C-alpha atoms as a PDB file:
ATOM      1  CA  MET A   1      -5.450   7.314  16.477  1.00  0.00           C
ATOM      2  CA  GLY A   2      -9.477   7.667  17.214  1.00  0.00           C
ATOM      3  CA  GLU A   3     -11.404   6.068  19.836  1.00  0.00           C
ATOM      4  CA  ARG A   4     -12.135   3.799  17.204  1.00  0.00           C
ATOM      5  CA  TYR A   5      -9.126   2.229  16.654  1.00  0.00           C
ATOM      6  CA  PRO A   6      -8.738  -1.219  17.769  1.00  0.00           C
ATOM      7  CA  GLU A   7      -6.494  -1.789  20.907  1.00  0.00           C
ATOM      8  CA  GLY A   8      -4.623  -5.201  20.295  1.00  0.00           C
ATOM      9  CA  ARG A   9      -1.750  -5.286  17.737  1.00  0.00           C
ATOM     10  CA  GLU A  10      -2.906  -7.612  15.581  1.00  0.00           C
ATOM     11  CA  GLU A  11      -6.125  -5.839  15.012  1.00  0.00           C
ATOM     12  CA  ARG A  12      -4.353  -2.645  14.422  1.00  0.00           C
ATOM     13  CA  VAL A  13      -2.570  -4.102  11.321  1.00  0.00           C
ATOM     14  CA  SER A  14      -5.445  -5.588   9.948  1.00  0.00           C
ATOM     15  CA  ALA A  15      -7.222  -2.139  10.259  1.00  0.00           C
ATOM     16  CA  LEU A  16      -4.449  -0.445   8.596  1.00  0.00           C
ATOM     17  CA  CYS A  17      -4.434  -3.296   5.798  1.00  0.00           C
ATOM     18  CA  THR A  18      -7.982  -2.326   5.472  1.00  0.00           C
ATOM     19  CA  ALA A  19      -7.487   1.449   5.289  1.00  0.00           C
ATOM     20  CA  LEU A  20      -4.416   0.464   2.484  1.00  0.00           C
ATOM     21  CA  ILE A  21      -6.990  -1.550   0.600  1.00  0.00           C
ATOM     22  CA  HIS A  22      -9.456   1.247   0.014  1.00  0.00           C
ATOM     23  CA  GLU A  23      -6.634   3.541  -0.452  1.00  0.00           C
ATOM     24  CA  ALA A  24      -5.060   1.854  -3.353  1.00  0.00           C
ATOM     25  CA  VAL A  25      -8.451   1.744  -5.158  1.00  0.00           C
ATOM     26  CA  GLU A  26      -9.104   5.464  -4.591  1.00  0.00           C
ATOM     27  CA  LEU A  27      -5.827   5.592  -6.538  1.00  0.00           C
ATOM     28  CA  GLN A  28      -6.538   2.938  -8.943  1.00  0.00           C
ATOM     29  CA  ARG A  29      -9.856   5.364  -9.668  1.00  0.00           C
ATOM     30  CA  THR A  30      -7.926   8.265 -10.894  1.00  0.00           C
ATOM     31  CA  THR A  31      -7.124   5.743 -13.652  1.00  0.00           C
ATOM     32  CA  SER A  32      -8.846   4.973 -16.881  1.00  0.00           C
ATOM     33  CA  TRP A  33      -8.373   1.072 -15.899  1.00  0.00           C
ATOM     34  CA  LYS A  34     -12.014   0.537 -17.303  1.00  0.00           C
ATOM     35  CA  TRP A  35     -10.615  -0.155 -21.018  1.00  0.00           C
ATOM     36  CA  TRP A  36     -14.772  -0.267 -22.027  1.00  0.00           C
ATOM     37  CA  LYS A  37     -15.094   3.173 -20.709  1.00  0.00           C
ATOM     38  CA  GLU A  38     -14.183   6.757 -22.291  1.00  0.00           C
ATOM     39  CA  ARG A  39     -10.947   8.077 -20.950  1.00  0.00           C
ATOM     40  CA  GLY A  40     -11.023  10.604 -19.199  1.00  0.00           C
ATOM     41  CA  GLU A  41      -8.278  13.260 -18.583  1.00  0.00           C
ATOM     42  CA  PHE A  42      -5.117  11.894 -16.100  1.00  0.00           C
ATOM     43  CA  ASP A  43      -5.451  13.629 -12.798  1.00  0.00           C
ATOM     44  CA  GLU A  44      -2.228  13.273 -11.363  1.00  0.00           C
ATOM     45  CA  ALA A  45      -2.122  15.338  -8.505  1.00  0.00           C
ATOM     46  CA  ALA A  46      -5.139  13.532  -7.608  1.00  0.00           C
ATOM     47  CA  ALA A  47      -3.454  10.357  -8.041  1.00  0.00           C
ATOM     48  CA  ARG A  48      -0.259  11.806  -6.024  1.00  0.00           C
ATOM     49  CA  GLU A  49      -2.593  12.369  -2.870  1.00  0.00           C
ATOM     50  CA  GLU A  50      -4.234   8.572  -3.474  1.00  0.00           C
ATOM     51  CA  LEU A  51      -0.624   7.625  -3.361  1.00  0.00           C
ATOM     52  CA  ILE A  52       0.504   9.519   0.094  1.00  0.00           C
ATOM     53  CA  ASP A  53      -2.878   8.184   1.746  1.00  0.00           C
ATOM     54  CA  VAL A  54      -1.629   4.709   1.099  1.00  0.00           C
ATOM     55  CA  TRP A  55       2.173   5.198   1.526  1.00  0.00           C
ATOM     56  CA  HIS A  56       0.396   7.080   5.133  1.00  0.00           C
ATOM     57  CA  PHE A  57      -1.246   3.548   6.002  1.00  0.00           C
ATOM     58  CA  ALA A  58       1.710   1.174   4.926  1.00  0.00           C
ATOM     59  CA  VAL A  59       4.047   3.222   7.509  1.00  0.00           C
ATOM     60  CA  GLN A  60       1.811   3.134   9.865  1.00  0.00           C
ATOM     61  CA  ALA A  61       1.847  -0.732   9.357  1.00  0.00           C
ATOM     62  CA  ALA A  62       5.351  -0.758   9.251  1.00  0.00           C
ATOM     63  CA  ILE A  63       5.513   1.147  12.824  1.00  0.00           C
ATOM     64  CA  GLU A  64       3.138  -1.502  14.058  1.00  0.00           C
ATOM     65  CA  LEU A  65       5.109  -4.206  13.177  1.00  0.00           C
ATOM     66  CA  GLY A  66       8.334  -2.609  14.620  1.00  0.00           C
ATOM     67  CA  MET A  67      10.252  -1.585  11.785  1.00  0.00           C
ATOM     68  CA  GLY A  68      12.189   1.406  11.180  1.00  0.00           C
ATOM     69  CA  PRO A  69      13.492   2.799   7.960  1.00  0.00           C
ATOM     70  CA  GLN A  70      16.628   0.110   8.056  1.00  0.00           C
ATOM     71  CA  ASP A  71      13.993  -2.704   8.415  1.00  0.00           C
ATOM     72  CA  VAL A  72      12.072  -1.932   5.566  1.00  0.00           C
ATOM     73  CA  LEU A  73      14.528  -1.490   3.229  1.00  0.00           C
ATOM     74  CA  ALA A  74      16.470  -4.903   4.374  1.00  0.00           C
ATOM     75  CA  GLU A  75      12.863  -6.574   4.158  1.00  0.00           C
ATOM     76  CA  TYR A  76      12.298  -4.958   1.190  1.00  0.00           C
ATOM     77  CA  GLU A  77      15.335  -5.997  -0.444  1.00  0.00           C
ATOM     78  CA  ARG A  78      14.851  -9.724   1.001  1.00  0.00           C
ATOM     79  CA  LYS A  79      11.889 -10.256  -0.845  1.00  0.00           C
ATOM     80  CA  HIS A  80      12.527  -8.149  -3.824  1.00  0.00           C
ATOM     81  CA  GLY A  81      15.328 -11.142  -4.421  1.00  0.00           C
ATOM     82  CA  VAL A  82      12.751 -13.881  -3.980  1.00  0.00           C
ATOM     83  CA  ASN A  83      10.649 -12.108  -6.458  1.00  0.00           C
ATOM     84  CA  VAL A  84      13.501 -12.203  -8.846  1.00  0.00           C
ATOM     85  CA  ARG A  85      14.490 -15.637  -8.451  1.00  0.00           C
ATOM     86  CA  ARG A  86      11.133 -16.793  -8.973  1.00  0.00           C
ATOM     87  CA  GLN A  87      10.638 -14.554 -12.243  1.00  0.00           C
ATOM     88  CA  ARG A  88      13.580 -16.373 -13.319  1.00  0.00           C
ATOM     89  CA  ASP A  89      12.891 -19.958 -11.998  1.00  0.00           C
ATOM     90  CA  GLY A  90       9.081 -19.583 -13.920  1.00  0.00           C
ATOM     91  CA  TYR A  91       7.312 -19.051 -11.011  1.00  0.00           C
END
């Protein structure tokens, strides 16, 4: 990556999280989330582009953490099960 990209794993994961958060905000800004403002037309193409930016940093973080596609899927399934139980149990 660039010369300002952190050298340590923890610092790289942190930097990727920061980038991911900001890209998610950019995605949100493509929507009419301000209920007090007049709605504009939804730009789906812009939203898709921002979503890909979010995915890019999420994938980079997964790679940084040594996760391949099967690891990501297994972790998603595990965490999804936790979330389902939480909702069922009134978490």
